Amino acid sequence: MHILDEIVEKRKEDIKKYGYTFGVAVPEKRLRGITPFLLKKGAVLEVKRASPSKGDIAPGLDAAKTAETYAEAGAAAISVLTEKRYFKGDLNDLMAVCRSVDSYAVRTGKIAPCVLRKDFILCPEEIDVAYRCGADVVLLIARILDDDMLLEMVKKCRTLGISALLELRLDDDLRKLALIAEKAGTDNLVCGVNSRDLSTFAIDLLTPAGILDEIRHIAGKDVRVIFESGIRTPKAAAFAGSMGFSGMLLGEAAARNPGEAAALTAAFVNAATSQNAQRWLSFAKAVRAKKHLSGGEKKPFVKICGLTSASDALNAAECGADFLGFIFCAKSPRNVSAETVRDIKKALLERAEQSGGKDVHPLPVLVAVITECNSAEGRAAISLAKEGTVDIIQLHGKSASDEFFAEEALSSLPHYAAVNVSTEDDLDKIDELRKIGEPRILVDAQSAGKIGGTGMQVQGSLCTAVSKKIKLWLAGGISSENVRQIVQDYEPELIDVNSGIESAPGKKDVQKMKALFGQLQ
């Protein structure tokens, strides 16, 4: 049984035993007005004591005092976890927060933050309880509610004059959204996408991005969509804000450090769209498209790296490469010039034009691999990214403290980091990059004095450890001889192939390339 199923089953037991108020005394009628939910871009900060995945987060939390801190930090809304068994909250917290924000409004003359009841709500009676306690909006998790119940609960919210935050993640959740749009309308609906899978508690920052456009297509382009969970730093909050979400829900990050709430909120609200955000939105949609086209079969994206000629790039694209990589490093035998990459891009575009738009292989994503931003080669690669010749920069061997991430003009360019790993200690580099909101990180084998193309493989145990943290992007020693086993064992989202398909450094062997792709059919 997944943890989500367990929570739902225990909740049913508790409702049967204690009733819809779970033993808490609540008012017979609502005692406060209703504040509209998220009319403009803003942060939803959470009153949260614990979780099944993290254990105790803020066990001594004072709900009313925390709510006041959040209001002063500029929260658009305050989410209150009222689930007792696994999150250690209850309806007393909800009522305390409502009183606190009302007092804040009276004292400051400002509009009180909206109050959200966040729980695993299963029936309309619980919505009525939330309303009487003062909630302005309730969370409805689509995946735990059947069609009829979900429709009834959305309508119940409308009757009471409060909003429903509909949490979506699965394809079937989107079907339910379409049903609601058709039969109930979406005027009181705000959508949320949880980056955390509630059945496993694994986090993927690109899950919300992957279905953002689909939600807007179903519910209308003006529908408000919230990015939920997984944000821990202002940099990560800015990444979420740059992708076009209306709101961001912060749980652990805010609860552990209420004093950081203002910085997290400001980073999200003030974030403008960027080339980096647009690139990752595009990739997130490509992940969903690939899943649907393959019928759910886990076929990886393929990056062919270390290309030095147009003929090899064209052959790689013809074989079906999704990404083509070009190394900008004077020490590498595969070092290329900016002019060579421009010529290769031109050749790829000409091939696409000659096909009359009927080419079965779309133009691959072009990747500039750099090791030093301030080297002549690094500057040339960055210029190619700025002009749009290459689509994304691979920062090889860079940590979260690198100057690239500190300089907004650079970090707004499409990019991802590549980390060399040989021991478990190296995984800390991945954690630090994830913390600042990097959605994907390539892992490569560690080799003294070399950045890649060594033919060395990452240890299997490290591959497994990485895949538990983030979707696995894997480089190092991959060839037609081992690629099928690698995909079977570790289910990488992307594989990066270099020396395993070469006749000499920088010279790709078309037969080896065909053999590699043949193993992926």
Protein backbone atom coordinates (compact mmCIF):
# COMPACT_ATOMS: atom_id res chain seq x y z
CA MET A 1 0.00 0.00 0.00
CA HIS A 2 1.34 3.44 -0.97
CA ILE A 3 1.54 6.06 1.79
CA LEU A 4 -1.30 8.02 0.16
CA ASP A 5 -3.57 4.97 0.24
CA GLU A 6 -2.60 4.40 3.87
CA ILE A 7 -3.42 8.00 4.83
CA VAL A 8 -6.82 7.78 3.14
CA GLU A 9 -7.69 4.47 4.82
CA LYS A 10 -6.70 5.74 8.26
CA ARG A 11 -8.68 8.91 7.65
CA LYS A 12 -11.82 6.90 6.90
CA GLU A 13 -11.31 5.04 10.17
CA ASP A 14 -10.90 8.29 12.10
CA ILE A 15 -14.01 9.87 10.54
CA LYS A 16 -16.00 6.83 11.52
CA LYS A 17 -14.64 7.00 15.06
CA TYR A 18 -14.54 10.76 15.75
CA GLY A 19 -16.81 12.35 13.14
CA TYR A 20 -16.06 15.04 10.56
CA THR A 21 -14.57 17.40 13.15
CA PHE A 22 -12.18 14.73 14.45
CA GLY A 23 -13.24 15.53 17.99
CA VAL A 24 -12.50 19.26 17.74
CA ALA A 25 -15.18 21.76 18.84
CA VAL A 26 -16.00 24.00 15.87
CA PRO A 27 -18.50 26.88 15.50
CA GLU A 28 -22.03 26.14 14.41
CA LYS A 29 -21.74 28.88 11.80
CA ARG A 30 -18.96 30.85 10.12
CA LEU A 31 -17.77 33.89 12.11
CA ARG A 32 -15.65 35.73 9.50
CA GLY A 33 -15.92 37.02 5.96
CA ILE A 34 -14.50 35.31 2.87
CA THR A 35 -11.23 36.41 1.25
CA PRO A 36 -10.84 35.56 -2.46
CA PHE A 37 -8.04 33.16 -3.25
CA LEU A 38 -4.99 34.20 -5.25
CA LEU A 39 -6.36 36.99 -7.42
CA LYS A 40 -2.77 37.91 -8.33
CA LYS A 41 0.58 36.13 -8.36
CA GLY A 42 1.61 35.18 -4.86
CA ALA A 43 2.98 32.66 -2.39
CA VAL A 44 1.00 30.25 -0.23
CA LEU A 45 2.97 29.57 2.96
CA GLU A 46 2.18 26.56 5.08
CA VAL A 47 1.61 25.90 8.76
CA LYS A 48 3.12 22.43 8.92
CA ARG A 49 4.53 20.49 11.86
CA ALA A 50 5.50 17.17 10.28
CA SER A 51 5.21 14.94 7.22
CA PRO A 52 5.51 11.22 6.47
CA SER A 53 8.64 11.77 4.40
CA LYS A 54 10.49 14.19 6.71
CA GLY A 55 9.15 13.33 10.15
CA ASP A 56 9.07 16.28 12.55
CA ILE A 57 9.61 19.59 10.74
CA ALA A 58 8.48 22.16 13.31
CA PRO A 59 6.89 20.21 16.19
CA GLY A 60 6.73 23.24 18.50
CA LEU A 61 5.16 25.49 15.88
CA ASP A 62 2.69 28.11 17.13
CA ALA A 63 0.06 28.29 14.38
CA ALA A 64 -1.16 31.82 15.18
CA LYS A 65 2.32 33.31 15.55
CA THR A 66 3.54 31.60 12.38
CA ALA A 67 0.55 32.94 10.48
CA GLU A 68 1.38 36.47 11.62
CA THR A 69 4.96 36.04 10.44
CA TYR A 70 3.73 34.78 7.07
CA ALA A 71 1.31 37.69 6.70
CA GLU A 72 4.11 40.17 7.41
CA ALA A 73 6.26 38.35 4.84
CA GLY A 74 3.69 39.09 2.14
CA ALA A 75 1.97 35.72 1.88
CA ALA A 76 -1.04 35.80 -0.43
CA ALA A 77 -2.48 32.85 1.43
CA ILE A 78 -1.71 30.61 4.38
CA SER A 79 -2.15 26.87 4.08
CA VAL A 80 -2.97 25.00 7.26
CA LEU A 81 -2.38 21.26 7.42
CA THR A 82 -5.17 19.83 9.55
CA GLU A 83 -4.33 16.11 9.22
CA LYS A 84 -3.37 14.70 12.64
CA ARG A 85 -1.86 11.23 12.24
CA TYR A 86 0.90 11.98 9.74
CA PHE A 87 1.20 15.80 9.77
CA LYS A 88 0.36 16.52 13.43
CA GLY A 89 -2.14 19.27 12.68
CA ASP A 90 -5.82 19.71 13.45
CA LEU A 91 -8.77 22.07 13.07
CA ASN A 92 -7.63 24.10 16.08
CA ASP A 93 -4.68 25.23 13.96
CA LEU A 94 -7.06 26.31 11.18
CA MET A 95 -9.19 28.40 13.54
CA ALA A 96 -6.11 29.90 15.22
CA VAL A 97 -4.71 30.99 11.85
CA CYS A 98 -8.04 32.57 10.86
CA ARG A 99 -8.09 34.60 14.08
CA SER A 100 -4.46 35.59 13.60
CA VAL A 101 -4.84 36.90 10.04
CA ASP A 102 -8.03 38.78 10.97
CA SER A 103 -6.15 40.46 13.82
CA TYR A 104 -3.33 41.29 11.41
CA ALA A 105 -5.81 42.93 9.02
CA VAL A 106 -7.35 45.03 11.80
CA ARG A 107 -3.96 46.09 13.14
CA THR A 108 -2.37 46.96 9.77
CA GLY A 109 -5.34 47.95 7.63
CA LYS A 110 -4.19 45.45 5.02
CA ILE A 111 -6.21 42.65 3.45
CA ALA A 112 -5.83 39.43 5.42
CA PRO A 113 -4.13 36.55 3.63
CA CYS A 114 -6.55 33.92 2.37
CA VAL A 115 -6.70 30.76 4.53
CA LEU A 116 -6.53 27.30 2.95
CA ARG A 117 -7.49 24.08 4.69
CA LYS A 118 -5.03 21.51 3.38
CA ASP A 119 -6.06 17.97 4.12
CA PHE A 120 -7.11 14.68 2.54
CA ILE A 121 -10.75 15.71 2.33
CA LEU A 122 -13.06 12.90 1.29
CA CYS A 123 -16.64 14.21 1.48
CA PRO A 124 -18.75 17.40 1.35
CA GLU A 125 -19.36 17.34 5.11
CA GLU A 126 -15.68 18.10 5.64
CA ILE A 127 -15.98 21.15 3.39
CA ASP A 128 -18.81 22.42 5.56
CA VAL A 129 -16.63 21.97 8.65
CA ALA A 130 -13.77 23.86 6.97
CA TYR A 131 -16.15 26.68 6.05
CA ARG A 132 -17.44 26.97 9.62
CA CYS A 133 -13.87 27.04 10.92
CA GLY A 134 -13.14 30.01 8.65
CA ALA A 135 -11.34 28.51 5.63
CA ASP A 136 -11.57 30.53 2.41
CA VAL A 137 -10.45 27.62 0.24
CA VAL A 138 -10.11 23.86 0.62
CA LEU A 139 -7.75 21.41 -1.05
CA LEU A 140 -9.34 18.68 -3.16
CA ILE A 141 -6.92 15.96 -4.29
CA ALA A 142 -8.25 14.67 -7.60
CA ARG A 143 -6.59 11.27 -7.44
CA ILE A 144 -8.35 10.24 -4.19
CA LEU A 145 -11.86 11.29 -5.28
CA ASP A 146 -14.13 9.68 -7.84
CA ASP A 147 -15.89 11.73 -10.51
CA ASP A 148 -19.24 12.13 -8.78
CA MET A 149 -17.78 13.01 -5.40
CA LEU A 150 -15.35 15.51 -6.88
CA LEU A 151 -18.11 17.25 -8.82
CA GLU A 152 -20.30 17.40 -5.73
CA MET A 153 -17.50 18.89 -3.66
CA VAL A 154 -16.61 21.58 -6.21
CA LYS A 155 -20.28 22.55 -6.34
CA LYS A 156 -20.42 22.56 -2.53
CA CYS A 157 -17.55 25.05 -2.41
CA ARG A 158 -19.36 27.29 -4.89
CA THR A 159 -22.57 27.16 -2.86
CA LEU A 160 -20.66 28.26 0.24
CA GLY A 161 -18.82 30.98 -1.67
CA ILE A 162 -15.33 29.59 -1.12
CA SER A 163 -12.70 28.37 -3.58
CA ALA A 164 -11.50 24.86 -4.35
CA LEU A 165 -7.82 24.18 -4.90
CA LEU A 166 -7.85 21.13 -7.16
CA GLU A 167 -4.60 19.18 -6.98
CA LEU A 168 -3.69 17.48 -10.26
CA ARG A 169 -0.84 15.25 -11.31
CA LEU A 170 -1.97 12.19 -13.26
CA ASP A 171 -3.52 11.92 -16.72
CA ASP A 172 -6.74 10.80 -15.08
CA ASP A 173 -6.70 13.94 -12.94
CA LEU A 174 -6.72 16.01 -16.14
CA ARG A 175 -9.71 14.01 -17.34
CA LYS A 176 -11.48 14.89 -14.10
CA LEU A 177 -10.62 18.56 -14.61
CA ALA A 178 -12.23 18.43 -18.05
CA LEU A 179 -15.32 16.86 -16.48
CA ILE A 180 -15.53 19.64 -13.90
CA ALA A 181 -15.06 22.31 -16.59
CA GLU A 182 -17.93 20.79 -18.56
CA LYS A 183 -20.40 20.03 -15.76
CA ALA A 184 -19.60 22.50 -12.98
CA GLY A 185 -17.50 25.30 -14.45
CA THR A 186 -14.19 26.60 -13.15
CA ASP A 187 -15.08 30.05 -11.78
CA ASN A 188 -14.30 29.05 -8.16
CA LEU A 189 -11.48 26.70 -9.10
CA VAL A 190 -7.72 27.11 -8.73
CA CYS A 191 -5.51 24.27 -9.94
CA GLY A 192 -2.38 23.02 -8.23
CA VAL A 193 0.27 20.57 -9.38
CA ASN A 194 2.33 18.85 -6.72
CA SER A 195 5.98 18.27 -7.61
CA ARG A 196 5.88 15.59 -4.90
CA ASP A 197 4.29 12.27 -5.81
CA LEU A 198 2.01 11.61 -2.84
CA SER A 199 2.28 7.85 -3.32
CA THR A 200 6.09 7.79 -3.02
CA PHE A 201 6.94 11.35 -1.83
CA ALA A 202 9.58 11.62 -4.59
CA ILE A 203 9.97 15.14 -5.99
CA ASP A 204 10.32 16.20 -9.63
CA LEU A 205 10.36 19.96 -10.22
CA LEU A 206 9.36 19.47 -13.85
CA THR A 207 6.10 17.63 -13.17
CA PRO A 208 4.12 20.89 -12.69
CA ALA A 209 5.73 22.38 -15.80
CA GLY A 210 4.84 19.34 -17.87
CA ILE A 211 1.08 19.74 -17.52
CA LEU A 212 0.80 23.51 -17.17
CA ASP A 213 -0.30 24.09 -20.78
CA GLU A 214 -2.69 21.14 -20.68
CA ILE A 215 -4.42 22.56 -17.61
CA ARG A 216 -4.82 25.92 -19.32
CA HIS A 217 -6.11 24.26 -22.47
CA ILE A 218 -8.79 22.45 -20.46
CA ALA A 219 -9.78 25.11 -17.93
CA GLY A 220 -9.02 28.28 -19.91
CA LYS A 221 -5.88 30.34 -20.38
CA ASP A 222 -6.68 32.52 -17.36
CA VAL A 223 -6.99 29.65 -14.90
CA ARG A 224 -4.75 30.10 -11.87
CA VAL A 225 -2.20 27.29 -11.41
CA ILE A 226 -0.08 26.76 -8.30
CA PHE A 227 3.35 25.11 -8.17
CA GLU A 228 3.23 22.90 -5.06
CA SER A 229 6.12 21.56 -2.95
CA GLY A 230 9.80 20.98 -3.57
CA ILE A 231 10.98 24.61 -3.22
CA ARG A 232 13.60 25.20 -0.54
CA THR A 233 15.54 28.35 -1.48
CA PRO A 234 14.90 31.75 -3.08
CA LYS A 235 16.71 30.59 -6.23
CA ALA A 236 14.37 27.62 -6.54
CA ALA A 237 11.39 29.88 -5.86
CA ALA A 238 12.53 32.19 -8.65
CA PHE A 239 12.76 29.21 -11.01
CA ALA A 240 9.15 28.27 -10.25
CA GLY A 241 8.07 31.88 -10.63
CA SER A 242 9.80 32.23 -13.99
CA MET A 243 7.76 29.40 -15.54
CA GLY A 244 4.47 31.29 -15.40
CA PHE A 245 2.72 29.83 -12.36
CA SER A 246 0.16 31.98 -10.56
CA GLY A 247 1.17 30.76 -7.15
CA MET A 248 3.70 28.75 -5.21
CA LEU A 249 2.87 26.62 -2.17
CA LEU A 250 5.72 26.30 0.32
CA GLY A 251 5.58 23.73 3.08
CA GLU A 252 8.78 22.57 4.70
CA ALA A 253 10.95 25.52 3.63
CA ALA A 254 8.63 28.04 5.26
CA ALA A 255 7.77 25.96 8.33
CA ARG A 256 11.41 25.24 9.20
CA ASN A 257 12.54 28.82 8.69
CA PRO A 258 9.65 31.31 8.95
CA GLY A 259 12.19 34.13 8.89
CA GLU A 260 13.05 33.19 5.29
CA ALA A 261 9.43 33.47 4.16
CA ALA A 262 9.77 37.04 2.89
CA ALA A 263 12.79 36.21 0.72
CA LEU A 264 11.12 33.11 -0.70
CA THR A 265 7.93 35.02 -1.44
CA ALA A 266 9.71 37.95 -3.09
CA ALA A 267 11.84 35.64 -5.24
CA PHE A 268 8.77 33.92 -6.62
CA VAL A 269 6.58 36.99 -7.11
CA ASN A 270 9.31 39.09 -8.75
CA ALA A 271 10.63 36.36 -11.06
CA ALA A 272 10.21 37.12 -14.75
CA THR A 273 10.17 34.56 -17.52
CA SER A 274 13.59 33.56 -18.86
CA GLN A 275 15.16 31.52 -21.63
CA ASN A 276 16.04 28.90 -19.04
CA ALA A 277 12.43 28.63 -17.88
CA GLN A 278 11.15 28.33 -21.45
CA ARG A 279 13.68 25.60 -22.26
CA TRP A 280 12.65 23.53 -19.24
CA LEU A 281 8.95 24.05 -19.95
CA SER A 282 9.62 22.72 -23.43
CA PHE A 283 11.54 19.72 -22.11
CA ALA A 284 8.87 18.94 -19.50
CA LYS A 285 6.27 18.76 -22.27
CA ALA A 286 8.62 16.59 -24.34
CA VAL A 287 8.88 14.14 -21.43
CA ARG A 288 5.09 13.77 -21.35
CA ALA A 289 4.88 13.47 -25.13
CA LYS A 290 7.56 10.76 -25.15
CA LYS A 291 5.74 8.83 -22.44
CA HIS A 292 2.50 8.91 -24.41
CA LEU A 293 4.13 8.02 -27.73
CA SER A 294 5.94 5.06 -26.19
CA GLY A 295 2.82 3.82 -24.43
CA GLY A 296 4.44 4.34 -21.06
CA GLU A 297 7.56 2.37 -21.96
CA LYS A 298 10.60 4.01 -20.39
CA LYS A 299 12.79 4.82 -23.37
CA PRO A 300 15.49 7.38 -22.58
CA PHE A 301 16.31 10.55 -24.41
CA VAL A 302 19.68 10.16 -26.15
CA LYS A 303 22.42 12.77 -26.28
CA ILE A 304 25.32 12.18 -28.64
CA CYS A 305 28.20 14.25 -27.33
CA GLY A 306 31.66 15.24 -28.50
CA LEU A 307 30.59 15.96 -32.10
CA THR A 308 33.11 17.79 -34.25
CA SER A 309 31.71 17.62 -37.79
CA ALA A 310 28.50 18.27 -39.69
CA SER A 311 28.48 14.77 -41.17
CA ASP A 312 28.60 13.14 -37.73
CA ALA A 313 25.92 15.50 -36.41
CA LEU A 314 23.64 14.74 -39.36
CA ASN A 315 24.18 11.00 -38.90
CA ALA A 316 23.39 11.29 -35.18
CA ALA A 317 20.21 13.21 -35.93
CA GLU A 318 19.24 10.67 -38.60
CA CYS A 319 19.67 7.86 -36.07
CA GLY A 320 17.27 9.64 -33.74
CA ALA A 321 19.43 11.59 -31.28
CA ASP A 322 17.39 13.97 -29.13
CA PHE A 323 20.39 16.07 -28.08
CA LEU A 324 23.68 16.85 -29.83
CA GLY A 325 26.61 17.94 -27.67
CA PHE A 326 29.60 20.11 -28.61
CA ILE A 327 32.56 20.48 -26.27
CA PHE A 328 34.12 23.90 -25.73
CA CYS A 329 37.29 23.08 -23.81
CA ALA A 330 40.82 23.64 -25.10
CA LYS A 331 42.12 20.57 -23.24
CA SER A 332 39.63 18.23 -24.89
CA PRO A 333 40.48 16.34 -28.11
CA ARG A 334 36.85 17.00 -29.06
CA ASN A 335 37.08 20.79 -28.71
CA VAL A 336 35.13 22.65 -31.41
CA SER A 337 34.93 26.25 -32.54
CA ALA A 338 31.86 28.46 -32.57
CA GLU A 339 32.06 28.62 -36.35
CA THR A 340 31.95 24.83 -36.62
CA VAL A 341 28.80 24.70 -34.50
CA ARG A 342 27.20 27.43 -36.58
CA ASP A 343 27.95 25.41 -39.71
CA ILE A 344 26.49 22.29 -38.12
CA LYS A 345 23.33 24.16 -37.11
CA LYS A 346 23.02 25.45 -40.68
CA ALA A 347 23.40 21.91 -42.08
CA LEU A 348 20.72 20.59 -39.71
CA LEU A 349 18.31 23.36 -40.69
CA GLU A 350 18.96 22.78 -44.39
CA ARG A 351 18.24 19.08 -44.00
CA ALA A 352 14.97 19.88 -42.24
CA GLU A 353 14.03 22.38 -44.97
CA GLN A 354 14.83 19.92 -47.76
CA SER A 355 12.54 17.35 -46.17
CA GLY A 356 9.64 19.76 -46.67
CA GLY A 357 8.66 19.49 -43.01
CA LYS A 358 8.14 15.73 -43.35
CA ASP A 359 11.33 14.75 -41.54
CA VAL A 360 10.48 12.06 -39.00
CA HIS A 361 13.33 13.28 -36.80
CA PRO A 362 12.74 16.75 -35.28
CA LEU A 363 15.68 19.08 -34.94
CA PRO A 364 17.73 17.88 -31.96
CA VAL A 365 18.47 20.10 -28.99
CA LEU A 366 21.98 21.52 -29.41
CA VAL A 367 24.13 21.54 -26.26
CA ALA A 368 27.30 23.54 -25.64
CA VAL A 369 29.47 21.82 -23.03
CA ILE A 370 31.74 24.18 -21.09
CA THR A 371 34.11 23.76 -18.18
CA GLU A 372 35.19 27.37 -17.63
CA CYS A 373 32.80 30.26 -18.21
CA ASN A 374 35.58 32.83 -18.47
CA SER A 375 37.80 30.91 -20.89
CA ALA A 376 37.78 31.90 -24.56
CA GLU A 377 35.93 28.67 -25.31
CA GLY A 378 33.40 29.25 -22.53
CA ARG A 379 32.69 32.79 -23.68
CA ALA A 380 32.23 31.57 -27.25
CA ALA A 381 29.71 28.94 -26.10
CA ILE A 382 27.80 31.47 -24.02
CA SER A 383 27.61 33.76 -27.06
CA LEU A 384 26.16 30.88 -29.09
CA ALA A 385 23.50 30.39 -26.42
CA LYS A 386 22.65 34.08 -26.36
CA GLU A 387 22.25 34.20 -30.14
CA GLY A 388 20.21 30.99 -30.19
CA THR A 389 22.62 28.85 -32.17
CA VAL A 390 22.79 26.35 -29.31
CA ASP A 391 19.75 25.63 -27.19
CA ILE A 392 21.27 24.88 -23.81
CA ILE A 393 24.57 25.00 -21.92
CA GLN A 394 26.01 22.03 -20.04
CA LEU A 395 28.10 23.26 -17.11
CA HIS A 396 30.52 20.41 -16.61
CA GLY A 397 31.97 20.01 -13.15
CA LYS A 398 30.20 23.05 -11.69
CA SER A 399 28.89 23.31 -8.14
CA ALA A 400 25.96 25.29 -6.80
CA SER A 401 28.37 27.99 -5.62
CA ASP A 402 29.77 28.60 -9.11
CA GLU A 403 29.67 32.17 -10.40
CA PHE A 404 27.37 31.08 -13.24
CA PHE A 405 24.50 30.55 -10.79
CA ALA A 406 25.21 33.80 -8.96
CA GLU A 407 25.06 35.99 -12.08
CA GLU A 408 21.47 36.45 -13.20
CA ALA A 409 22.43 37.28 -16.80
CA LEU A 410 24.11 33.88 -17.07
CA SER A 411 21.76 31.75 -14.98
CA SER A 412 18.78 32.97 -17.03
CA LEU A 413 20.31 31.24 -20.07
CA PRO A 414 19.15 27.65 -20.68
CA HIS A 415 21.48 25.37 -18.75
CA TYR A 416 22.02 22.29 -16.64
CA ALA A 417 24.97 21.06 -14.60
CA ALA A 418 27.02 17.89 -15.02
CA VAL A 419 28.65 16.36 -11.95
CA ASN A 420 31.45 13.81 -11.88
CA VAL A 421 30.82 11.17 -9.22
CA SER A 422 32.95 8.34 -7.87
CA THR A 423 31.85 8.08 -4.20
CA GLU A 424 28.71 8.75 -2.17
CA ASP A 425 30.27 12.00 -0.94
CA ASP A 426 29.98 13.34 -4.49
CA LEU A 427 26.20 13.07 -4.23
CA ASP A 428 26.25 16.12 -1.95
CA LYS A 429 26.97 18.18 -5.08
CA ILE A 430 23.70 16.95 -6.56
CA ASP A 431 21.78 17.83 -3.39
CA GLU A 432 23.16 21.38 -3.45
CA LEU A 433 22.22 21.86 -7.08
CA ARG A 434 18.71 20.51 -6.48
CA LYS A 435 18.35 22.88 -3.55
CA ILE A 436 18.83 25.93 -5.78
CA GLY A 437 16.19 24.65 -8.19
CA GLU A 438 18.18 22.84 -10.86
CA PRO A 439 15.59 20.42 -12.31
CA ARG A 440 18.02 18.03 -14.01
CA ILE A 441 21.67 17.13 -13.37
CA LEU A 442 23.85 14.93 -15.55
CA VAL A 443 26.08 12.46 -13.68
CA ASP A 444 29.31 11.27 -15.25
CA ALA A 445 32.18 9.07 -14.11
CA GLN A 446 35.09 10.66 -12.27
CA SER A 447 38.47 10.53 -13.98
CA ALA A 448 41.49 12.49 -12.79
CA GLY A 449 42.28 15.37 -15.12
CA LYS A 450 39.55 14.50 -17.63
CA ILE A 451 36.03 15.88 -17.97
CA GLY A 452 34.41 13.13 -20.03
CA GLY A 453 34.76 10.81 -22.97
CA THR A 454 36.87 8.44 -20.90
CA GLY A 455 34.82 5.28 -21.40
CA MET A 456 34.50 4.89 -17.63
CA GLN A 457 31.13 4.01 -16.11
CA VAL A 458 29.43 5.38 -13.01
CA GLN A 459 29.13 2.72 -10.31
CA GLY A 460 25.76 1.00 -10.28
CA SER A 461 25.13 1.78 -6.62
CA LEU A 462 25.66 5.48 -7.33
CA CYS A 463 23.27 5.37 -10.28
CA THR A 464 20.62 3.90 -8.00
CA ALA A 465 21.29 6.50 -5.31
CA VAL A 466 21.02 9.37 -7.79
CA SER A 467 17.78 8.03 -9.29
CA LYS A 468 16.19 8.19 -5.83
CA LYS A 469 16.96 11.91 -5.67
CA ILE A 470 16.28 13.11 -9.21
CA LYS A 471 15.46 11.77 -12.66
CA LEU A 472 18.66 10.07 -13.80
CA TRP A 473 20.67 11.67 -16.60
CA LEU A 474 23.63 9.37 -17.11
CA ALA A 475 26.95 9.63 -18.96
CA GLY A 476 30.05 7.49 -18.96
CA GLY A 477 31.05 4.34 -20.79
CA ILE A 478 27.74 3.78 -22.59
CA SER A 479 27.83 1.79 -25.84
CA SER A 480 25.69 -0.59 -27.87
CA GLU A 481 27.12 -3.48 -25.82
CA ASN A 482 25.74 -2.27 -22.48
CA VAL A 483 23.02 0.30 -23.19
CA ARG A 484 20.11 -2.13 -23.00
CA GLN A 485 21.23 -3.40 -19.59
CA ILE A 486 21.82 0.13 -18.31
CA VAL A 487 18.33 1.20 -19.33
CA GLN A 488 16.82 -1.91 -17.79
CA ASP A 489 18.73 -1.57 -14.51
CA TYR A 490 18.54 2.17 -13.85
CA GLU A 491 15.75 3.55 -16.08
CA PRO A 492 17.60 6.76 -16.97
CA GLU A 493 15.57 9.60 -18.41
CA LEU A 494 18.53 10.57 -20.59
CA ILE A 495 21.74 8.85 -21.61
CA ASP A 496 24.80 10.76 -22.83
CA VAL A 497 27.01 8.79 -25.25
CA ASN A 498 30.44 9.84 -26.42
CA SER A 499 33.48 7.58 -26.70
CA GLY A 500 31.38 4.41 -26.91
CA ILE A 501 30.39 5.22 -30.51
CA GLU A 502 33.73 6.58 -31.77
CA SER A 503 36.42 5.31 -34.12
CA ALA A 504 38.74 8.02 -32.69
CA PRO A 505 38.25 10.94 -30.29
CA GLY A 506 35.73 13.27 -31.91
CA LYS A 507 35.10 10.93 -34.86
CA LYS A 508 31.79 9.11 -34.61
CA ASP A 509 31.31 5.69 -36.18
CA VAL A 510 27.93 5.64 -37.89
CA GLN A 511 27.64 1.85 -37.60
CA LYS A 512 28.24 2.03 -33.85
CA MET A 513 25.64 4.76 -33.59
CA LYS A 514 23.10 2.67 -35.50
CA ALA A 515 23.87 -0.32 -33.29
CA LEU A 516 23.33 1.79 -30.17
CA PHE A 517 19.95 3.07 -31.32
CA GLY A 518 19.04 -0.41 -32.47
CA GLN A 519 19.41 -1.62 -28.89
CA LEU A 520 16.90 1.02 -27.78
CA GLN A 521 14.12 -0.06 -30.13
